[in-house]
Amino acid sequence: MRTVLFAGTLVIGAPIAAWAAPSTPQTQSGHADVVLKSDHAWNGTAYQHYPVSAPQLTVLKLTIPPHTALPWHIHPFPNAGYVLAGQLTIEDKATGKQQTFHTGEAFAESVNDPHRGVSGDQETVVILTYAGTAGAPTSVPLKGEKTEY
């Protein structure tokens, strides 16, 4: 016979399993906030077709020092970003168009359009999700430029 103090009550002779926490979690739906759903990039360029090979997802956490411009580059397939900290201004090389995204904002990047990201006054941290294919790079620098990461 066991004597146990449980929640301020003296329990004598009760098996411990009788008042243990349930082992199966309750089934319940989570709450989802859509932060981005788009069929075009931030600069208005529509996404065309998807590669026909098997997809490969890549998720990166990219940290950019303050007052830094990333090298000019392109992405060969759609991708999206989410600003965790700081701000990121994306610049389109051909048009000069730019847009700034702040902490908590998401953006859809362009495909095959030369562009770059520029950080602001503080370190910028971005989560990037690439929907590509095996063996394909996620970012391709323009000729003479360094890699983006």
N, C-alpha and C. Protein backbone atom coordinates (compact mmCIF):
# COMPACT_ATOMS: atom_id res chain seq x y z
N MET A 1 0.85 -1.17 0.00
CA MET A 1 0.00 0.00 0.00
C MET A 1 0.90 1.24 0.00
N ARG A 2 0.55 2.23 -0.84
CA ARG A 2 1.32 3.46 -0.92
C ARG A 2 0.55 4.60 -0.28
N THR A 3 1.31 5.46 0.38
CA THR A 3 0.74 6.69 0.92
C THR A 3 1.43 7.84 0.21
N VAL A 4 0.66 8.68 -0.47
CA VAL A 4 1.22 9.75 -1.28
C VAL A 4 0.44 11.03 -1.02
N LEU A 5 1.16 12.14 -0.95
CA LEU A 5 0.51 13.44 -0.86
C LEU A 5 0.36 13.96 -2.29
N PHE A 6 -0.88 14.11 -2.75
CA PHE A 6 -1.14 14.52 -4.13
C PHE A 6 -2.04 15.75 -4.11
N ALA A 7 -1.56 16.85 -4.64
CA ALA A 7 -2.31 18.10 -4.74
C ALA A 7 -2.95 18.48 -3.40
N GLY A 8 -2.19 18.32 -2.35
CA GLY A 8 -2.67 18.71 -1.04
C GLY A 8 -3.57 17.69 -0.37
N THR A 9 -3.80 16.54 -1.05
CA THR A 9 -4.68 15.51 -0.49
C THR A 9 -3.86 14.26 -0.21
N LEU A 10 -4.04 13.69 0.94
CA LEU A 10 -3.35 12.46 1.29
C LEU A 10 -4.08 11.31 0.63
N VAL A 11 -3.39 10.56 -0.23
CA VAL A 11 -3.98 9.44 -0.95
C VAL A 11 -3.34 8.17 -0.42
N ILE A 12 -4.15 7.25 0.08
CA ILE A 12 -3.64 6.01 0.66
C ILE A 12 -4.13 4.85 -0.20
N GLY A 13 -3.18 4.05 -0.67
CA GLY A 13 -3.51 2.83 -1.38
C GLY A 13 -3.88 2.99 -2.84
N ALA A 14 -3.92 4.19 -3.39
CA ALA A 14 -4.29 4.40 -4.80
C ALA A 14 -3.07 4.16 -5.68
N PRO A 15 -3.22 3.37 -6.75
CA PRO A 15 -2.09 3.19 -7.66
C PRO A 15 -1.72 4.52 -8.32
N ILE A 16 -0.42 4.75 -8.50
CA ILE A 16 0.05 6.02 -9.06
C ILE A 16 -0.55 6.25 -10.45
N ALA A 17 -0.68 5.22 -11.27
CA ALA A 17 -1.21 5.37 -12.63
C ALA A 17 -2.62 5.93 -12.63
N ALA A 18 -3.37 5.77 -11.58
CA ALA A 18 -4.75 6.23 -11.53
C ALA A 18 -4.85 7.75 -11.62
N TRP A 19 -3.82 8.48 -11.21
CA TRP A 19 -3.90 9.93 -11.26
C TRP A 19 -2.75 10.55 -12.04
N ALA A 20 -2.11 9.75 -12.90
CA ALA A 20 -1.04 10.27 -13.75
C ALA A 20 -1.64 11.01 -14.94
N ALA A 21 -0.87 11.89 -15.54
CA ALA A 21 -1.32 12.66 -16.71
C ALA A 21 -1.59 11.72 -17.88
N PRO A 22 -2.57 12.04 -18.73
CA PRO A 22 -2.85 11.18 -19.88
C PRO A 22 -1.65 11.15 -20.83
N SER A 23 -1.41 9.99 -21.45
CA SER A 23 -0.25 9.84 -22.31
C SER A 23 -0.53 10.23 -23.76
N THR A 24 -1.78 10.38 -24.16
CA THR A 24 -2.14 10.74 -25.53
C THR A 24 -2.51 12.21 -25.60
N PRO A 25 -1.84 12.97 -26.49
CA PRO A 25 -2.19 14.39 -26.59
C PRO A 25 -3.58 14.58 -27.20
N GLN A 26 -4.19 15.67 -26.84
CA GLN A 26 -5.51 16.02 -27.39
C GLN A 26 -5.35 16.44 -28.84
N THR A 27 -6.23 15.96 -29.71
CA THR A 27 -6.20 16.34 -31.12
C THR A 27 -6.94 17.65 -31.29
N GLN A 28 -6.25 18.61 -31.90
CA GLN A 28 -6.83 19.94 -32.10
C GLN A 28 -6.10 20.60 -33.23
N SER A 29 -6.79 21.43 -34.01
CA SER A 29 -6.15 22.17 -35.09
C SER A 29 -5.35 23.33 -34.55
N GLY A 30 -4.25 23.66 -35.23
CA GLY A 30 -3.47 24.84 -34.88
C GLY A 30 -4.06 26.07 -35.55
N HIS A 31 -3.52 27.23 -35.23
CA HIS A 31 -3.95 28.49 -35.84
C HIS A 31 -2.88 28.93 -36.84
N ALA A 32 -3.28 29.19 -38.05
CA ALA A 32 -2.34 29.61 -39.10
C ALA A 32 -2.69 31.01 -39.58
N ASP A 33 -1.68 31.87 -39.61
CA ASP A 33 -1.81 33.19 -40.23
C ASP A 33 -1.06 33.13 -41.54
N VAL A 34 -1.73 33.41 -42.65
CA VAL A 34 -1.07 33.43 -43.95
C VAL A 34 -0.25 34.71 -44.02
N VAL A 35 1.07 34.58 -44.09
CA VAL A 35 1.92 35.76 -44.17
C VAL A 35 2.28 36.10 -45.61
N LEU A 36 2.10 35.13 -46.52
CA LEU A 36 2.35 35.40 -47.93
C LEU A 36 1.72 34.31 -48.77
N LYS A 37 1.00 34.72 -49.81
CA LYS A 37 0.48 33.80 -50.83
C LYS A 37 0.51 34.61 -52.11
N SER A 38 1.33 34.20 -53.07
CA SER A 38 1.52 35.02 -54.25
C SER A 38 1.83 34.20 -55.48
N ASP A 39 1.37 34.69 -56.63
CA ASP A 39 1.72 34.07 -57.91
C ASP A 39 2.67 34.96 -58.70
N HIS A 40 3.23 35.98 -57.99
CA HIS A 40 4.18 36.89 -58.61
C HIS A 40 5.17 37.41 -57.56
N ALA A 41 6.29 37.91 -58.05
CA ALA A 41 7.34 38.44 -57.17
C ALA A 41 6.97 39.83 -56.65
N TRP A 42 7.75 40.30 -55.70
CA TRP A 42 7.53 41.62 -55.09
C TRP A 42 7.52 42.73 -56.13
N ASN A 43 8.26 42.55 -57.25
CA ASN A 43 8.35 43.60 -58.28
C ASN A 43 7.28 43.48 -59.35
N GLY A 44 6.31 42.57 -59.14
CA GLY A 44 5.20 42.44 -60.07
C GLY A 44 5.38 41.39 -61.15
N THR A 45 6.57 40.80 -61.26
CA THR A 45 6.83 39.79 -62.28
C THR A 45 6.11 38.49 -61.91
N ALA A 46 5.26 38.01 -62.84
CA ALA A 46 4.50 36.78 -62.60
C ALA A 46 5.40 35.56 -62.67
N TYR A 47 5.11 34.57 -61.83
CA TYR A 47 5.82 33.30 -61.91
C TYR A 47 5.28 32.54 -63.12
N GLN A 48 6.16 31.88 -63.84
CA GLN A 48 5.77 31.17 -65.06
C GLN A 48 5.44 29.72 -64.76
N HIS A 49 6.32 28.82 -65.05
CA HIS A 49 6.09 27.40 -64.85
C HIS A 49 7.07 26.86 -63.81
N TYR A 50 6.76 25.67 -63.36
CA TYR A 50 7.60 25.00 -62.38
C TYR A 50 8.45 23.96 -63.08
N PRO A 51 9.65 23.66 -62.57
CA PRO A 51 10.46 22.59 -63.16
C PRO A 51 9.69 21.26 -63.11
N VAL A 52 9.98 20.39 -64.05
CA VAL A 52 9.27 19.11 -64.11
C VAL A 52 9.94 18.01 -63.28
N SER A 53 11.13 18.26 -62.75
CA SER A 53 11.80 17.26 -61.92
C SER A 53 11.27 17.32 -60.49
N ALA A 54 11.71 16.36 -59.68
CA ALA A 54 11.26 16.29 -58.28
C ALA A 54 11.67 17.55 -57.52
N PRO A 55 10.79 18.09 -56.68
CA PRO A 55 11.12 19.29 -55.93
C PRO A 55 12.09 19.01 -54.78
N GLN A 56 12.81 20.06 -54.41
CA GLN A 56 13.67 20.02 -53.23
C GLN A 56 13.52 21.36 -52.52
N LEU A 57 13.07 21.32 -51.29
CA LEU A 57 12.90 22.53 -50.51
C LEU A 57 14.19 22.83 -49.75
N THR A 58 14.55 24.11 -49.69
CA THR A 58 15.71 24.56 -48.93
C THR A 58 15.26 25.75 -48.10
N VAL A 59 15.53 25.72 -46.80
CA VAL A 59 15.21 26.84 -45.92
C VAL A 59 16.53 27.34 -45.32
N LEU A 60 16.78 28.62 -45.50
CA LEU A 60 18.01 29.24 -44.97
C LEU A 60 17.67 30.35 -43.99
N LYS A 61 18.53 30.52 -43.01
CA LYS A 61 18.48 31.69 -42.13
C LYS A 61 19.67 32.54 -42.54
N LEU A 62 19.41 33.68 -43.15
CA LEU A 62 20.46 34.56 -43.67
C LEU A 62 20.60 35.77 -42.76
N THR A 63 21.82 36.02 -42.28
CA THR A 63 22.10 37.18 -41.43
C THR A 63 22.97 38.14 -42.23
N ILE A 64 22.53 39.40 -42.30
CA ILE A 64 23.22 40.42 -43.08
C ILE A 64 23.63 41.55 -42.14
N PRO A 65 24.91 41.91 -42.12
CA PRO A 65 25.35 43.01 -41.25
C PRO A 65 24.66 44.33 -41.62
N PRO A 66 24.64 45.29 -40.70
CA PRO A 66 24.05 46.60 -41.00
C PRO A 66 24.75 47.27 -42.20
N HIS A 67 24.01 48.07 -42.93
CA HIS A 67 24.52 48.87 -44.05
C HIS A 67 25.30 48.02 -45.05
N THR A 68 24.71 46.88 -45.42
CA THR A 68 25.36 45.96 -46.35
C THR A 68 24.47 45.70 -47.55
N ALA A 69 25.05 45.79 -48.75
CA ALA A 69 24.36 45.41 -49.97
C ALA A 69 24.87 44.04 -50.39
N LEU A 70 23.97 43.09 -50.56
CA LEU A 70 24.36 41.78 -51.05
C LEU A 70 24.76 41.91 -52.52
N PRO A 71 25.55 41.00 -53.06
CA PRO A 71 25.91 41.03 -54.47
C PRO A 71 24.66 40.84 -55.36
N TRP A 72 24.73 41.38 -56.57
CA TRP A 72 23.64 41.19 -57.54
C TRP A 72 23.57 39.71 -57.89
N HIS A 73 22.33 39.18 -57.97
CA HIS A 73 22.14 37.76 -58.23
C HIS A 73 20.75 37.51 -58.80
N ILE A 74 20.51 36.26 -59.22
CA ILE A 74 19.18 35.82 -59.64
C ILE A 74 18.85 34.53 -58.89
N HIS A 75 17.57 34.18 -58.91
CA HIS A 75 17.10 32.90 -58.39
C HIS A 75 16.45 32.16 -59.55
N PRO A 76 16.79 30.88 -59.76
CA PRO A 76 16.25 30.16 -60.90
C PRO A 76 14.84 29.59 -60.67
N PHE A 77 14.28 29.75 -59.46
CA PHE A 77 12.94 29.26 -59.18
C PHE A 77 12.34 30.09 -58.05
N PRO A 78 11.02 29.99 -57.86
CA PRO A 78 10.36 30.81 -56.84
C PRO A 78 10.89 30.56 -55.43
N ASN A 79 10.90 31.62 -54.65
CA ASN A 79 11.26 31.53 -53.25
C ASN A 79 10.61 32.66 -52.49
N ALA A 80 10.54 32.51 -51.19
CA ALA A 80 9.91 33.52 -50.35
C ALA A 80 10.79 33.77 -49.15
N GLY A 81 10.69 34.99 -48.61
CA GLY A 81 11.46 35.35 -47.43
C GLY A 81 10.57 35.93 -46.35
N TYR A 82 11.07 35.85 -45.12
CA TYR A 82 10.38 36.41 -43.97
C TYR A 82 11.43 37.12 -43.11
N VAL A 83 11.21 38.39 -42.82
CA VAL A 83 12.17 39.18 -42.05
C VAL A 83 11.94 38.92 -40.55
N LEU A 84 12.93 38.27 -39.93
CA LEU A 84 12.87 38.01 -38.49
C LEU A 84 13.32 39.22 -37.68
N ALA A 85 14.30 39.96 -38.21
CA ALA A 85 14.84 41.13 -37.49
C ALA A 85 15.39 42.12 -38.51
N GLY A 86 15.29 43.39 -38.17
CA GLY A 86 15.83 44.43 -39.04
C GLY A 86 14.90 44.73 -40.20
N GLN A 87 15.50 45.14 -41.30
CA GLN A 87 14.74 45.43 -42.52
C GLN A 87 15.58 45.06 -43.72
N LEU A 88 14.91 44.77 -44.82
CA LEU A 88 15.60 44.41 -46.05
C LEU A 88 14.95 45.18 -47.20
N THR A 89 15.78 45.92 -47.93
CA THR A 89 15.31 46.59 -49.13
C THR A 89 15.78 45.77 -50.32
N ILE A 90 14.83 45.34 -51.15
CA ILE A 90 15.18 44.59 -52.35
C ILE A 90 15.19 45.57 -53.52
N GLU A 91 16.27 45.53 -54.29
CA GLU A 91 16.45 46.43 -55.44
C GLU A 91 16.47 45.60 -56.72
N ASP A 92 15.70 46.02 -57.73
CA ASP A 92 15.70 45.40 -59.05
C ASP A 92 16.75 46.11 -59.90
N LYS A 93 17.71 45.37 -60.43
CA LYS A 93 18.82 45.98 -61.17
C LYS A 93 18.36 46.65 -62.47
N ALA A 94 17.47 46.02 -63.21
CA ALA A 94 17.05 46.55 -64.52
C ALA A 94 16.20 47.80 -64.41
N THR A 95 15.29 47.85 -63.46
CA THR A 95 14.35 48.97 -63.38
C THR A 95 14.69 49.98 -62.29
N GLY A 96 15.51 49.58 -61.32
CA GLY A 96 15.80 50.46 -60.19
C GLY A 96 14.71 50.44 -59.14
N LYS A 97 13.63 49.71 -59.41
CA LYS A 97 12.54 49.62 -58.45
C LYS A 97 13.06 48.98 -57.17
N GLN A 98 12.55 49.44 -56.04
CA GLN A 98 12.94 48.86 -54.76
C GLN A 98 11.76 48.88 -53.80
N GLN A 99 11.81 47.94 -52.86
CA GLN A 99 10.78 47.86 -51.83
C GLN A 99 11.43 47.39 -50.55
N THR A 100 11.02 47.99 -49.43
CA THR A 100 11.59 47.65 -48.13
C THR A 100 10.60 46.81 -47.34
N PHE A 101 11.13 45.74 -46.74
CA PHE A 101 10.35 44.84 -45.90
C PHE A 101 10.92 44.89 -44.49
N HIS A 102 10.04 45.00 -43.50
CA HIS A 102 10.44 45.16 -42.10
C HIS A 102 10.19 43.88 -41.32
N THR A 103 10.66 43.87 -40.07
CA THR A 103 10.45 42.73 -39.17
C THR A 103 8.99 42.30 -39.20
N GLY A 104 8.77 40.99 -39.40
CA GLY A 104 7.42 40.45 -39.42
C GLY A 104 6.75 40.46 -40.78
N GLU A 105 7.44 40.94 -41.80
CA GLU A 105 6.87 40.98 -43.15
C GLU A 105 7.49 39.90 -44.03
N ALA A 106 6.69 39.39 -44.95
CA ALA A 106 7.15 38.37 -45.89
C ALA A 106 7.18 38.96 -47.29
N PHE A 107 7.97 38.34 -48.16
CA PHE A 107 8.07 38.80 -49.54
C PHE A 107 8.31 37.61 -50.47
N ALA A 108 7.85 37.76 -51.71
CA ALA A 108 8.09 36.75 -52.75
C ALA A 108 9.19 37.30 -53.65
N GLU A 109 10.25 36.53 -53.83
CA GLU A 109 11.37 37.01 -54.65
C GLU A 109 11.13 36.73 -56.12
N SER A 110 11.85 37.47 -56.94
CA SER A 110 11.72 37.33 -58.39
C SER A 110 12.54 36.15 -58.90
N VAL A 111 12.14 35.64 -60.06
CA VAL A 111 12.82 34.53 -60.71
C VAL A 111 13.53 35.07 -61.95
N ASN A 112 14.82 34.82 -62.03
CA ASN A 112 15.65 35.22 -63.18
C ASN A 112 15.72 36.72 -63.42
N ASP A 113 15.33 37.54 -62.45
CA ASP A 113 15.50 38.99 -62.53
C ASP A 113 16.66 39.38 -61.63
N PRO A 114 17.71 40.00 -62.16
CA PRO A 114 18.82 40.43 -61.31
C PRO A 114 18.35 41.41 -60.23
N HIS A 115 18.72 41.12 -59.00
CA HIS A 115 18.34 41.95 -57.86
C HIS A 115 19.33 41.75 -56.72
N ARG A 116 19.16 42.52 -55.68
CA ARG A 116 19.97 42.35 -54.47
C ARG A 116 19.19 42.87 -53.27
N GLY A 117 19.62 42.45 -52.08
CA GLY A 117 19.04 42.93 -50.84
C GLY A 117 20.02 43.86 -50.15
N VAL A 118 19.47 44.87 -49.49
CA VAL A 118 20.29 45.85 -48.76
C VAL A 118 19.72 45.97 -47.35
N SER A 119 20.59 45.82 -46.35
CA SER A 119 20.14 45.94 -44.96
C SER A 119 20.11 47.41 -44.54
N GLY A 120 19.46 47.64 -43.41
CA GLY A 120 19.33 49.00 -42.88
C GLY A 120 20.35 49.29 -41.79
N ASP A 121 19.92 50.04 -40.77
CA ASP A 121 20.80 50.48 -39.70
C ASP A 121 21.17 49.39 -38.69
N GLN A 122 20.46 48.27 -38.73
CA GLN A 122 20.78 47.18 -37.80
C GLN A 122 20.92 45.88 -38.57
N GLU A 123 21.45 44.87 -37.91
CA GLU A 123 21.61 43.56 -38.51
C GLU A 123 20.23 43.07 -38.99
N THR A 124 20.21 42.46 -40.15
CA THR A 124 18.98 41.93 -40.71
C THR A 124 19.05 40.41 -40.72
N VAL A 125 18.00 39.76 -40.25
CA VAL A 125 17.92 38.30 -40.25
C VAL A 125 16.67 37.92 -41.03
N VAL A 126 16.87 37.07 -42.05
CA VAL A 126 15.79 36.68 -42.94
C VAL A 126 15.74 35.16 -43.04
N ILE A 127 14.55 34.60 -43.02
CA ILE A 127 14.35 33.18 -43.32
C ILE A 127 13.94 33.12 -44.78
N LEU A 128 14.68 32.34 -45.57
CA LEU A 128 14.40 32.19 -47.00
C LEU A 128 14.00 30.75 -47.29
N THR A 129 12.93 30.56 -48.02
CA THR A 129 12.45 29.24 -48.39
C THR A 129 12.46 29.12 -49.91
N TYR A 130 13.27 28.20 -50.40
CA TYR A 130 13.42 27.98 -51.84
C TYR A 130 12.70 26.69 -52.23
N ALA A 131 11.89 26.75 -53.27
CA ALA A 131 11.21 25.58 -53.81
C ALA A 131 11.88 25.23 -55.13
N GLY A 132 13.00 24.53 -55.03
CA GLY A 132 13.82 24.24 -56.20
C GLY A 132 13.84 22.78 -56.56
N THR A 133 14.94 22.38 -57.16
CA THR A 133 15.14 20.98 -57.55
C THR A 133 16.54 20.54 -57.12
N ALA A 134 16.70 19.25 -56.94
CA ALA A 134 17.98 18.69 -56.50
C ALA A 134 19.09 19.07 -57.49
N GLY A 135 20.21 19.53 -56.95
CA GLY A 135 21.37 19.87 -57.77
C GLY A 135 21.36 21.28 -58.32
N ALA A 136 20.23 21.97 -58.24
CA ALA A 136 20.15 23.35 -58.75
C ALA A 136 20.53 24.33 -57.64
N PRO A 137 21.30 25.38 -57.95
CA PRO A 137 21.64 26.35 -56.93
C PRO A 137 20.42 27.19 -56.55
N THR A 138 20.40 27.67 -55.32
CA THR A 138 19.29 28.52 -54.88
C THR A 138 19.51 29.98 -55.30
N SER A 139 20.75 30.35 -55.51
CA SER A 139 21.10 31.72 -55.89
C SER A 139 22.28 31.67 -56.85
N VAL A 140 22.21 32.49 -57.91
CA VAL A 140 23.27 32.51 -58.91
C VAL A 140 23.78 33.95 -59.03
N PRO A 141 25.07 34.20 -58.73
CA PRO A 141 25.59 35.57 -58.84
C PRO A 141 25.69 36.02 -60.29
N LEU A 142 25.52 37.31 -60.52
CA LEU A 142 25.77 37.84 -61.85
C LEU A 142 27.26 37.78 -62.12
N LYS A 143 27.63 37.79 -63.38
CA LYS A 143 29.03 37.70 -63.76
C LYS A 143 29.85 38.79 -63.07
N GLY A 144 30.94 38.37 -62.44
CA GLY A 144 31.83 39.30 -61.74
C GLY A 144 31.42 39.60 -60.31
N GLU A 145 30.28 39.07 -59.86
CA GLU A 145 29.80 39.32 -58.48
C GLU A 145 30.19 38.14 -57.58
N LYS A 146 30.27 38.43 -56.28
CA LYS A 146 30.46 37.38 -55.28
C LYS A 146 29.14 36.62 -55.10
N THR A 147 29.20 35.49 -54.41
CA THR A 147 27.96 34.76 -54.11
C THR A 147 27.15 35.52 -53.07
N GLU A 148 25.85 35.30 -53.09
CA GLU A 148 24.95 35.96 -52.14
C GLU A 148 25.21 35.48 -50.72
N TYR A 149 25.52 34.20 -50.56
CA TYR A 149 25.81 33.59 -49.26
C TYR A 149 26.72 32.41 -49.45
